[in-house]
N, C-alpha and C. Protein backbone atom coordinates (compact mmCIF):
# COMPACT_ATOMS: atom_id res chain seq x y z
N MET A 1 21.87 30.58 -8.70
CA MET A 1 20.76 30.93 -9.56
C MET A 1 20.43 29.77 -10.51
N ARG A 2 21.48 29.12 -11.05
CA ARG A 2 21.26 27.99 -11.96
C ARG A 2 20.53 26.86 -11.24
N ILE A 3 20.87 26.63 -9.97
CA ILE A 3 20.23 25.56 -9.21
C ILE A 3 18.75 25.88 -9.01
N LEU A 4 18.44 27.13 -8.71
CA LEU A 4 17.06 27.54 -8.54
C LEU A 4 16.26 27.32 -9.83
N ILE A 5 16.84 27.67 -10.94
CA ILE A 5 16.17 27.48 -12.23
C ILE A 5 15.97 25.99 -12.50
N LEU A 6 16.98 25.18 -12.19
CA LEU A 6 16.84 23.74 -12.38
C LEU A 6 15.74 23.16 -11.50
N LEU A 7 15.68 23.60 -10.24
CA LEU A 7 14.64 23.11 -9.33
C LEU A 7 13.25 23.51 -9.81
N ILE A 8 13.10 24.74 -10.25
CA ILE A 8 11.81 25.19 -10.75
C ILE A 8 11.43 24.41 -12.00
N SER A 9 12.38 24.18 -12.88
CA SER A 9 12.12 23.40 -14.09
C SER A 9 11.71 21.98 -13.75
N PHE A 10 12.41 21.38 -12.79
CA PHE A 10 12.09 20.01 -12.37
C PHE A 10 10.67 19.95 -11.80
N PHE A 11 10.31 20.94 -10.97
CA PHE A 11 8.97 20.98 -10.39
C PHE A 11 7.91 21.02 -11.49
N PHE A 12 8.07 21.90 -12.45
CA PHE A 12 7.08 22.01 -13.52
C PHE A 12 7.06 20.78 -14.41
N PHE A 13 8.22 20.17 -14.63
CA PHE A 13 8.27 18.95 -15.44
C PHE A 13 7.51 17.82 -14.75
N THR A 14 7.76 17.60 -13.45
CA THR A 14 7.10 16.49 -12.76
C THR A 14 5.62 16.77 -12.57
N THR A 15 5.23 18.02 -12.31
CA THR A 15 3.82 18.35 -12.18
C THR A 15 3.12 18.16 -13.51
N GLY A 16 3.71 18.64 -14.58
CA GLY A 16 3.14 18.47 -15.91
C GLY A 16 3.04 17.01 -16.29
N ASN A 17 4.04 16.22 -15.92
CA ASN A 17 4.05 14.79 -16.21
C ASN A 17 2.85 14.11 -15.54
N ALA A 18 2.57 14.44 -14.28
CA ALA A 18 1.43 13.84 -13.57
C ALA A 18 0.12 14.24 -14.24
N GLN A 19 0.02 15.49 -14.70
CA GLN A 19 -1.20 15.94 -15.35
C GLN A 19 -1.40 15.22 -16.68
N LYS A 20 -0.32 15.00 -17.43
CA LYS A 20 -0.43 14.29 -18.70
C LYS A 20 -0.95 12.86 -18.49
N LYS A 21 -0.54 12.23 -17.41
CA LYS A 21 -0.97 10.87 -17.11
C LYS A 21 -2.40 10.82 -16.59
N ASN A 22 -2.89 11.97 -16.10
CA ASN A 22 -4.24 12.06 -15.54
C ASN A 22 -4.44 11.03 -14.44
N ILE A 23 -3.55 11.02 -13.46
CA ILE A 23 -3.61 10.08 -12.35
C ILE A 23 -4.84 10.41 -11.49
N ILE A 24 -5.64 9.38 -11.24
CA ILE A 24 -6.89 9.56 -10.49
C ILE A 24 -6.79 8.77 -9.18
N VAL A 25 -6.92 9.47 -8.06
CA VAL A 25 -6.97 8.82 -6.75
C VAL A 25 -8.41 8.37 -6.53
N ASP A 26 -8.60 7.08 -6.29
CA ASP A 26 -9.94 6.51 -6.13
C ASP A 26 -10.16 6.10 -4.68
N LYS A 27 -10.70 7.03 -3.89
CA LYS A 27 -10.95 6.79 -2.47
C LYS A 27 -12.09 5.79 -2.25
N VAL A 28 -13.04 5.76 -3.16
CA VAL A 28 -14.16 4.82 -3.04
C VAL A 28 -13.63 3.39 -3.13
N GLN A 29 -12.77 3.14 -4.11
CA GLN A 29 -12.17 1.81 -4.26
C GLN A 29 -11.36 1.43 -3.01
N ALA A 30 -10.63 2.39 -2.46
CA ALA A 30 -9.82 2.12 -1.27
C ALA A 30 -10.71 1.69 -0.11
N ARG A 31 -11.82 2.37 0.10
CA ARG A 31 -12.74 2.03 1.19
C ARG A 31 -13.41 0.67 0.94
N GLU A 32 -13.76 0.39 -0.29
CA GLU A 32 -14.36 -0.92 -0.61
C GLU A 32 -13.37 -2.04 -0.33
N ALA A 33 -12.11 -1.83 -0.66
CA ALA A 33 -11.08 -2.84 -0.38
C ALA A 33 -10.91 -3.04 1.12
N TYR A 34 -10.98 -1.96 1.86
CA TYR A 34 -10.91 -2.03 3.34
C TYR A 34 -12.06 -2.88 3.89
N GLU A 35 -13.26 -2.62 3.41
CA GLU A 35 -14.44 -3.38 3.87
C GLU A 35 -14.29 -4.86 3.51
N LEU A 36 -13.84 -5.13 2.29
CA LEU A 36 -13.63 -6.52 1.87
C LEU A 36 -12.59 -7.21 2.75
N LEU A 37 -11.47 -6.55 2.97
CA LEU A 37 -10.41 -7.16 3.78
C LEU A 37 -10.91 -7.48 5.19
N ASN A 38 -11.63 -6.57 5.80
CA ASN A 38 -12.17 -6.86 7.13
C ASN A 38 -13.18 -8.00 7.09
N ASP A 39 -13.98 -8.07 6.03
CA ASP A 39 -14.93 -9.17 5.91
C ASP A 39 -14.20 -10.51 5.78
N ILE A 40 -13.12 -10.52 5.01
CA ILE A 40 -12.33 -11.75 4.87
C ILE A 40 -11.72 -12.14 6.21
N ARG A 41 -11.18 -11.16 6.94
CA ARG A 41 -10.57 -11.46 8.24
C ARG A 41 -11.60 -11.96 9.26
N MET A 42 -12.81 -11.44 9.19
CA MET A 42 -13.85 -11.84 10.14
C MET A 42 -14.52 -13.16 9.74
N ASN A 43 -14.48 -13.47 8.45
CA ASN A 43 -15.17 -14.66 7.92
C ASN A 43 -14.26 -15.45 6.98
N PRO A 44 -13.10 -15.90 7.44
CA PRO A 44 -12.18 -16.57 6.52
C PRO A 44 -12.74 -17.85 5.91
N LYS A 45 -13.60 -18.52 6.63
CA LYS A 45 -14.17 -19.77 6.12
C LYS A 45 -14.98 -19.51 4.84
N LYS A 46 -15.68 -18.38 4.81
CA LYS A 46 -16.49 -17.98 3.66
C LYS A 46 -15.64 -17.80 2.40
N TYR A 47 -14.38 -17.35 2.56
CA TYR A 47 -13.52 -17.04 1.42
C TYR A 47 -12.43 -18.08 1.17
N ALA A 48 -12.27 -19.03 2.08
CA ALA A 48 -11.13 -19.96 2.04
C ALA A 48 -10.94 -20.66 0.70
N ARG A 49 -11.99 -21.26 0.20
CA ARG A 49 -11.85 -22.05 -1.03
C ARG A 49 -11.54 -21.16 -2.23
N VAL A 50 -12.29 -20.08 -2.37
CA VAL A 50 -12.12 -19.20 -3.53
C VAL A 50 -10.73 -18.54 -3.55
N LEU A 51 -10.22 -18.15 -2.38
CA LEU A 51 -8.94 -17.45 -2.31
C LEU A 51 -7.76 -18.36 -1.98
N GLY A 52 -8.03 -19.64 -1.76
CA GLY A 52 -6.95 -20.59 -1.52
C GLY A 52 -6.30 -20.46 -0.15
N ILE A 53 -7.09 -20.08 0.86
CA ILE A 53 -6.56 -19.98 2.22
C ILE A 53 -6.67 -21.37 2.84
N SER A 54 -5.54 -22.07 2.91
CA SER A 54 -5.58 -23.47 3.36
C SER A 54 -5.68 -23.60 4.87
N ASP A 55 -5.10 -22.69 5.63
CA ASP A 55 -5.16 -22.80 7.09
C ASP A 55 -5.82 -21.55 7.66
N ILE A 56 -7.16 -21.57 7.69
CA ILE A 56 -7.88 -20.38 8.16
C ILE A 56 -7.68 -20.13 9.65
N SER A 57 -7.17 -21.12 10.38
CA SER A 57 -6.95 -20.91 11.82
C SER A 57 -5.86 -19.87 12.09
N LYS A 58 -5.03 -19.59 11.10
CA LYS A 58 -3.96 -18.60 11.27
C LYS A 58 -4.42 -17.17 10.94
N VAL A 59 -5.59 -17.02 10.35
CA VAL A 59 -6.09 -15.69 10.00
C VAL A 59 -6.49 -14.97 11.27
N THR A 60 -5.96 -13.76 11.46
CA THR A 60 -6.29 -12.96 12.63
C THR A 60 -7.69 -12.41 12.48
N SER A 61 -8.51 -12.64 13.48
CA SER A 61 -9.89 -12.17 13.41
C SER A 61 -10.07 -10.80 14.07
N THR A 62 -9.00 -10.05 14.13
CA THR A 62 -9.07 -8.68 14.64
C THR A 62 -9.46 -7.75 13.50
N LYS A 63 -10.48 -6.95 13.73
CA LYS A 63 -10.92 -6.00 12.71
C LYS A 63 -9.89 -4.88 12.62
N LEU A 64 -9.49 -4.54 11.40
CA LEU A 64 -8.56 -3.45 11.17
C LEU A 64 -9.30 -2.12 11.29
N VAL A 65 -8.60 -1.10 11.80
CA VAL A 65 -9.19 0.22 12.02
C VAL A 65 -8.63 1.19 10.99
N TRP A 66 -9.53 1.85 10.24
CA TRP A 66 -9.11 2.82 9.23
C TRP A 66 -8.38 3.96 9.91
N ASN A 67 -7.22 4.33 9.34
CA ASN A 67 -6.42 5.43 9.87
C ASN A 67 -6.18 6.43 8.76
N ASP A 68 -6.65 7.66 8.95
CA ASP A 68 -6.55 8.68 7.90
C ASP A 68 -5.11 9.02 7.53
N VAL A 69 -4.21 9.02 8.50
CA VAL A 69 -2.80 9.31 8.20
C VAL A 69 -2.22 8.21 7.30
N LEU A 70 -2.46 6.96 7.67
CA LEU A 70 -1.96 5.85 6.85
C LEU A 70 -2.60 5.88 5.46
N ALA A 71 -3.87 6.27 5.38
CA ALA A 71 -4.55 6.35 4.08
C ALA A 71 -3.89 7.43 3.21
N GLN A 72 -3.55 8.56 3.79
CA GLN A 72 -2.89 9.63 3.02
C GLN A 72 -1.52 9.18 2.54
N VAL A 73 -0.78 8.48 3.40
CA VAL A 73 0.54 7.99 3.01
C VAL A 73 0.39 6.93 1.91
N ALA A 74 -0.59 6.04 2.05
CA ALA A 74 -0.81 5.00 1.03
C ALA A 74 -1.19 5.63 -0.31
N GLU A 75 -2.02 6.66 -0.28
CA GLU A 75 -2.37 7.37 -1.51
C GLU A 75 -1.13 8.00 -2.13
N PHE A 76 -0.32 8.64 -1.28
CA PHE A 76 0.91 9.25 -1.78
C PHE A 76 1.80 8.21 -2.43
N ARG A 77 1.97 7.06 -1.77
CA ARG A 77 2.84 6.01 -2.29
C ARG A 77 2.33 5.50 -3.65
N ALA A 78 1.03 5.23 -3.75
CA ALA A 78 0.46 4.76 -5.02
C ALA A 78 0.62 5.83 -6.10
N TYR A 79 0.33 7.07 -5.75
CA TYR A 79 0.45 8.18 -6.70
C TYR A 79 1.90 8.36 -7.15
N ASP A 80 2.82 8.27 -6.20
CA ASP A 80 4.24 8.45 -6.52
C ASP A 80 4.73 7.37 -7.48
N MET A 81 4.31 6.13 -7.25
CA MET A 81 4.71 5.05 -8.17
C MET A 81 4.16 5.31 -9.57
N ALA A 82 2.90 5.74 -9.64
CA ALA A 82 2.28 6.02 -10.94
C ALA A 82 2.97 7.21 -11.62
N ASN A 83 3.22 8.25 -10.87
CA ASN A 83 3.79 9.46 -11.43
C ASN A 83 5.22 9.28 -11.90
N HIS A 84 6.00 8.48 -11.14
CA HIS A 84 7.41 8.28 -11.48
C HIS A 84 7.67 6.94 -12.16
N ASN A 85 6.60 6.24 -12.50
CA ASN A 85 6.69 5.03 -13.31
C ASN A 85 7.63 3.96 -12.74
N TYR A 86 7.40 3.63 -11.47
CA TYR A 86 8.14 2.52 -10.84
C TYR A 86 7.16 1.69 -10.04
N PHE A 87 7.57 0.50 -9.68
CA PHE A 87 6.75 -0.37 -8.85
C PHE A 87 7.69 -1.07 -7.88
N ASP A 88 7.79 -0.53 -6.68
CA ASP A 88 8.75 -1.04 -5.71
C ASP A 88 8.41 -0.50 -4.33
N HIS A 89 8.82 -1.23 -3.31
CA HIS A 89 8.64 -0.73 -1.94
C HIS A 89 9.58 0.43 -1.65
N VAL A 90 10.63 0.54 -2.41
CA VAL A 90 11.62 1.62 -2.20
C VAL A 90 11.51 2.60 -3.37
N SER A 91 11.36 3.87 -3.03
CA SER A 91 11.23 4.90 -4.07
C SER A 91 12.55 5.10 -4.79
N PRO A 92 12.54 5.76 -5.94
CA PRO A 92 13.80 6.06 -6.63
C PRO A 92 14.77 6.89 -5.77
N LYS A 93 14.25 7.55 -4.74
CA LYS A 93 15.09 8.32 -3.83
C LYS A 93 15.71 7.44 -2.74
N GLY A 94 15.38 6.13 -2.76
CA GLY A 94 15.94 5.20 -1.78
C GLY A 94 15.19 5.18 -0.46
N LEU A 95 13.96 5.66 -0.45
CA LEU A 95 13.17 5.74 0.77
C LEU A 95 12.06 4.69 0.77
N GLY A 96 11.90 4.02 1.91
CA GLY A 96 10.91 2.97 2.02
C GLY A 96 9.67 3.40 2.78
N PRO A 97 8.70 2.51 2.89
CA PRO A 97 7.42 2.81 3.53
C PRO A 97 7.54 3.33 4.97
N ASN A 98 8.43 2.74 5.76
CA ASN A 98 8.54 3.20 7.15
C ASN A 98 8.88 4.68 7.21
N TYR A 99 9.78 5.12 6.34
CA TYR A 99 10.16 6.54 6.29
C TYR A 99 8.93 7.40 5.98
N TYR A 100 8.17 7.02 4.95
CA TYR A 100 7.02 7.82 4.53
C TYR A 100 5.91 7.81 5.59
N ILE A 101 5.72 6.68 6.26
CA ILE A 101 4.71 6.59 7.32
C ILE A 101 5.05 7.56 8.45
N ALA A 102 6.30 7.54 8.88
CA ALA A 102 6.72 8.44 9.96
C ALA A 102 6.65 9.90 9.51
N LYS A 103 7.08 10.17 8.29
CA LYS A 103 7.05 11.53 7.75
C LYS A 103 5.61 12.04 7.65
N GLY A 104 4.68 11.13 7.42
CA GLY A 104 3.27 11.50 7.33
C GLY A 104 2.63 11.84 8.66
N GLY A 105 3.33 11.51 9.75
CA GLY A 105 2.82 11.86 11.07
C GLY A 105 2.34 10.69 11.91
N TYR A 106 2.54 9.48 11.45
CA TYR A 106 2.16 8.28 12.21
C TYR A 106 3.38 7.85 13.00
N SER A 107 3.29 7.83 14.32
CA SER A 107 4.48 7.54 15.14
C SER A 107 4.84 6.05 15.06
N LEU A 108 6.13 5.82 14.85
CA LEU A 108 6.67 4.47 14.77
C LEU A 108 7.82 4.33 15.75
N ASN A 109 8.08 3.12 16.16
CA ASN A 109 9.23 2.81 16.99
C ASN A 109 10.49 3.24 16.25
N SER A 110 11.39 3.91 16.93
CA SER A 110 12.61 4.42 16.29
C SER A 110 13.46 3.31 15.67
N ASP A 111 13.36 2.09 16.21
CA ASP A 111 14.11 0.97 15.62
C ASP A 111 13.64 0.67 14.20
N TRP A 112 12.38 0.98 13.89
CA TRP A 112 11.83 0.72 12.57
C TRP A 112 12.24 1.79 11.56
N LEU A 113 12.95 2.81 12.04
CA LEU A 113 13.34 3.93 11.17
C LEU A 113 14.85 4.01 10.95
N LYS A 114 15.58 3.04 11.44
CA LYS A 114 17.05 3.08 11.33
C LYS A 114 17.54 2.97 9.90
N LYS A 115 16.81 2.25 9.07
CA LYS A 115 17.17 2.12 7.65
C LYS A 115 16.15 2.88 6.83
N SER A 116 16.61 3.78 6.00
CA SER A 116 15.69 4.63 5.23
C SER A 116 14.84 3.84 4.23
N ALA A 117 15.27 2.66 3.86
CA ALA A 117 14.52 1.85 2.89
C ALA A 117 13.66 0.78 3.56
N ALA A 118 13.54 0.81 4.88
CA ALA A 118 12.83 -0.25 5.61
C ALA A 118 11.35 -0.33 5.27
N ASN A 119 10.85 -1.58 5.28
CA ASN A 119 9.42 -1.84 5.07
C ASN A 119 8.95 -2.89 6.05
N ASN A 120 8.17 -2.48 7.01
CA ASN A 120 7.55 -3.42 7.93
C ASN A 120 6.03 -3.47 7.76
N PHE A 121 5.49 -2.61 6.89
CA PHE A 121 4.05 -2.38 6.93
C PHE A 121 3.34 -2.31 5.58
N GLU A 122 4.01 -2.47 4.47
CA GLU A 122 3.40 -2.20 3.18
C GLU A 122 3.28 -3.43 2.29
N SER A 123 2.13 -3.53 1.62
CA SER A 123 1.93 -4.46 0.51
C SER A 123 1.49 -3.62 -0.68
N ILE A 124 2.05 -3.91 -1.86
CA ILE A 124 1.71 -3.15 -3.06
C ILE A 124 1.32 -4.10 -4.18
N ALA A 125 0.46 -3.60 -5.05
CA ALA A 125 0.03 -4.36 -6.23
C ALA A 125 -0.17 -3.38 -7.37
N ALA A 126 -0.19 -3.90 -8.59
CA ALA A 126 -0.39 -3.04 -9.76
C ALA A 126 -1.19 -3.78 -10.81
N ASN A 127 -1.87 -2.98 -11.63
CA ASN A 127 -2.59 -3.46 -12.80
C ASN A 127 -3.85 -4.26 -12.48
N HIS A 128 -4.48 -3.97 -11.37
CA HIS A 128 -5.75 -4.62 -11.03
C HIS A 128 -6.90 -3.67 -11.34
N PRO A 129 -8.01 -4.19 -11.87
CA PRO A 129 -9.12 -3.31 -12.25
C PRO A 129 -9.76 -2.59 -11.06
N THR A 130 -9.70 -3.21 -9.87
CA THR A 130 -10.24 -2.58 -8.66
C THR A 130 -9.27 -2.85 -7.50
N ALA A 131 -9.42 -2.06 -6.45
CA ALA A 131 -8.60 -2.28 -5.26
C ALA A 131 -8.96 -3.61 -4.60
N SER A 132 -10.23 -3.98 -4.65
CA SER A 132 -10.65 -5.26 -4.07
C SER A 132 -10.02 -6.43 -4.80
N GLU A 133 -9.87 -6.33 -6.12
CA GLU A 133 -9.18 -7.38 -6.87
C GLU A 133 -7.72 -7.46 -6.45
N GLY A 134 -7.12 -6.33 -6.13
CA GLY A 134 -5.75 -6.31 -5.62
C GLY A 134 -5.64 -7.02 -4.28
N ILE A 135 -6.61 -6.79 -3.40
CA ILE A 135 -6.63 -7.47 -2.09
C ILE A 135 -6.72 -8.98 -2.30
N LYS A 136 -7.61 -9.40 -3.19
CA LYS A 136 -7.74 -10.83 -3.48
C LYS A 136 -6.44 -11.40 -4.03
N ALA A 137 -5.76 -10.64 -4.89
CA ALA A 137 -4.48 -11.10 -5.45
C ALA A 137 -3.43 -11.26 -4.36
N PHE A 138 -3.40 -10.35 -3.38
CA PHE A 138 -2.47 -10.51 -2.25
C PHE A 138 -2.70 -11.85 -1.57
N ILE A 139 -3.95 -12.19 -1.36
CA ILE A 139 -4.29 -13.40 -0.61
C ILE A 139 -4.03 -14.65 -1.45
N ILE A 140 -4.40 -14.61 -2.71
CA ILE A 140 -4.15 -15.76 -3.60
C ILE A 140 -2.65 -15.98 -3.72
N GLY A 141 -1.89 -14.91 -3.85
CA GLY A 141 -0.44 -14.96 -3.72
C GLY A 141 0.36 -15.57 -4.85
N LYS A 142 -0.12 -15.54 -6.07
CA LYS A 142 0.64 -16.15 -7.17
C LYS A 142 2.02 -15.53 -7.37
N ASN A 143 2.13 -14.23 -7.22
CA ASN A 143 3.43 -13.56 -7.44
C ASN A 143 4.07 -13.08 -6.15
N SER A 144 3.73 -13.69 -5.05
CA SER A 144 4.25 -13.27 -3.76
C SER A 144 5.03 -14.42 -3.11
N PRO A 145 6.34 -14.34 -3.14
CA PRO A 145 7.15 -15.42 -2.56
C PRO A 145 6.79 -15.66 -1.09
N GLY A 146 6.52 -16.89 -0.76
CA GLY A 146 6.21 -17.24 0.62
C GLY A 146 4.89 -16.69 1.12
N PHE A 147 4.04 -16.24 0.21
CA PHE A 147 2.74 -15.68 0.58
C PHE A 147 2.88 -14.54 1.59
N MET A 148 3.91 -13.71 1.42
CA MET A 148 4.15 -12.61 2.37
C MET A 148 3.01 -11.60 2.39
N HIS A 149 2.42 -11.29 1.23
CA HIS A 149 1.30 -10.35 1.24
C HIS A 149 0.11 -10.95 1.98
N ARG A 150 -0.14 -12.24 1.77
CA ARG A 150 -1.24 -12.90 2.48
C ARG A 150 -1.02 -12.81 3.99
N LYS A 151 0.19 -13.12 4.43
CA LYS A 151 0.50 -13.05 5.86
C LYS A 151 0.28 -11.64 6.39
N HIS A 152 0.67 -10.65 5.59
CA HIS A 152 0.52 -9.26 6.00
C HIS A 152 -0.94 -8.85 6.13
N VAL A 153 -1.71 -9.00 5.05
CA VAL A 153 -3.07 -8.47 5.07
C VAL A 153 -4.03 -9.29 5.94
N LEU A 154 -3.74 -10.57 6.13
CA LEU A 154 -4.60 -11.39 6.97
C LEU A 154 -4.04 -11.58 8.38
N GLY A 155 -2.88 -11.00 8.67
CA GLY A 155 -2.30 -11.10 10.02
C GLY A 155 -2.02 -12.53 10.42
N MET A 156 -1.37 -13.29 9.53
CA MET A 156 -1.23 -14.73 9.73
C MET A 156 0.03 -15.16 10.48
N ASP A 157 0.73 -14.22 11.08
CA ASP A 157 1.84 -14.57 11.96
C ASP A 157 1.82 -13.58 13.12
N GLU A 158 2.69 -13.80 14.08
CA GLU A 158 2.66 -12.98 15.30
C GLU A 158 2.84 -11.48 15.00
N TRP A 159 3.82 -11.14 14.15
CA TRP A 159 4.07 -9.74 13.85
C TRP A 159 2.87 -9.10 13.14
N ASN A 160 2.46 -9.69 12.03
CA ASN A 160 1.36 -9.11 11.25
C ASN A 160 0.04 -9.14 12.00
N GLY A 161 -0.14 -10.12 12.86
CA GLY A 161 -1.35 -10.19 13.68
C GLY A 161 -1.42 -9.08 14.72
N SER A 162 -0.27 -8.48 15.03
CA SER A 162 -0.25 -7.40 16.02
C SER A 162 -0.55 -6.03 15.41
N LEU A 163 -0.61 -5.95 14.09
CA LEU A 163 -0.86 -4.68 13.41
C LEU A 163 -2.37 -4.41 13.36
N VAL A 164 -2.79 -3.19 13.66
CA VAL A 164 -4.22 -2.93 13.79
C VAL A 164 -4.74 -1.77 12.94
N ASP A 165 -3.90 -0.81 12.60
CA ASP A 165 -4.33 0.35 11.83
C ASP A 165 -4.08 0.13 10.34
N ILE A 166 -4.98 0.63 9.52
CA ILE A 166 -4.85 0.42 8.08
C ILE A 166 -5.15 1.70 7.30
N GLY A 167 -4.46 1.84 6.20
CA GLY A 167 -4.75 2.87 5.21
C GLY A 167 -4.52 2.27 3.84
N ILE A 168 -5.37 2.59 2.90
CA ILE A 168 -5.26 2.04 1.55
C ILE A 168 -5.30 3.19 0.55
N GLY A 169 -4.40 3.12 -0.42
CA GLY A 169 -4.40 4.07 -1.52
C GLY A 169 -4.52 3.32 -2.84
N PHE A 170 -5.39 3.80 -3.71
CA PHE A 170 -5.58 3.18 -5.02
C PHE A 170 -5.67 4.29 -6.05
N VAL A 171 -4.83 4.20 -7.08
CA VAL A 171 -4.87 5.19 -8.15
C VAL A 171 -5.00 4.49 -9.50
N ARG A 172 -5.66 5.19 -10.40
CA ARG A 172 -5.80 4.73 -11.79
C ARG A 172 -4.97 5.66 -12.67
N VAL A 173 -4.36 5.06 -13.70
CA VAL A 173 -3.53 5.84 -14.62
C VAL A 173 -3.95 5.48 -16.05
N PRO A 174 -4.78 6.32 -16.66
CA PRO A 174 -5.25 6.00 -18.02
C PRO A 174 -4.14 5.93 -19.07
N VAL A 175 -3.12 6.81 -18.97
CA VAL A 175 -2.04 6.82 -19.97
C VAL A 175 -0.72 7.20 -19.31
N GLY A 176 0.36 6.78 -19.95
CA GLY A 176 1.68 7.27 -19.60
C GLY A 176 2.40 6.59 -18.46
N SER A 177 1.91 5.45 -18.01
CA SER A 177 2.59 4.74 -16.93
C SER A 177 2.68 3.26 -17.29
N ARG A 178 3.58 2.59 -16.64
CA ARG A 178 3.80 1.17 -16.90
C ARG A 178 2.55 0.34 -16.61
N TYR A 179 1.81 0.72 -15.55
CA TYR A 179 0.61 0.00 -15.15
C TYR A 179 -0.60 0.93 -15.17
N THR A 180 -1.78 0.34 -15.27
CA THR A 180 -3.01 1.14 -15.31
C THR A 180 -3.55 1.46 -13.92
N SER A 181 -3.05 0.77 -12.90
CA SER A 181 -3.47 1.07 -11.52
C SER A 181 -2.36 0.67 -10.56
N TYR A 182 -2.37 1.32 -9.41
CA TYR A 182 -1.42 1.03 -8.33
C TYR A 182 -2.19 0.97 -7.02
N LEU A 183 -1.90 -0.04 -6.22
CA LEU A 183 -2.55 -0.23 -4.92
C LEU A 183 -1.48 -0.27 -3.85
N CYS A 184 -1.68 0.47 -2.78
CA CYS A 184 -0.79 0.44 -1.63
C CYS A 184 -1.62 0.20 -0.38
N VAL A 185 -1.27 -0.83 0.37
CA VAL A 185 -1.95 -1.14 1.63
C VAL A 185 -0.92 -1.04 2.74
N LEU A 186 -1.21 -0.16 3.69
CA LEU A 186 -0.36 0.00 4.87
C LEU A 186 -1.13 -0.48 6.09
N ILE A 187 -0.59 -1.49 6.76
CA ILE A 187 -1.18 -1.97 8.00
C ILE A 187 -0.07 -1.86 9.04
N ALA A 188 -0.31 -1.08 10.08
CA ALA A 188 0.76 -0.73 11.00
C ALA A 188 0.27 -0.65 12.44
N LYS A 189 1.20 -0.31 13.31
CA LYS A 189 0.87 -0.01 14.71
C LYS A 189 1.83 1.07 15.19
N HIS A 190 1.35 1.83 16.14
CA HIS A 190 2.18 2.90 16.71
C HIS A 190 3.30 2.32 17.56
N ASP A 191 4.24 3.16 17.83
CA ASP A 191 5.27 2.84 18.83
C ASP A 191 4.56 2.55 20.16
N TRP A 192 5.12 1.67 20.94
CA TRP A 192 4.53 1.39 22.24
C TRP A 192 5.54 1.53 23.35
């Protein structure tokens, strides 16, 4: 009985906490970021100088396909970071993007699920005024060691170039969180 009361209390505490923060899921921003990213991938020469893409020949010119399941998972991931006040590929429960993608219903190769904290498909950003600004920050790469976000979102290596489905989640947090916005970009492919 005590455990049930604790669980109910925890549920109301976390739900109330999210309401106090007034977390807003911005689907319009997510779609605009998707359109921008595809435009950059299709026209890297147009963006090269402004975004600092030195070798545009490595940019994959494959158009990414919006996937509703990945979008829902990306929204959940951004919302969860805002609600629980963390910024990491691994949740406080020790679970990574691959786990959440599979749990959301997007089929993945079982090898990608062997470690619960695994991440083969996610780029995250925080504190950007728009989701499109977050996409640009991934590409500019000031805080990304080895330009890993750039490689991911532009498909600049063999692995990332093979990924075709995308979902983007963007949330705004007016009060009560470490950052004012959270962006999650999932670019993946099904098991084959």
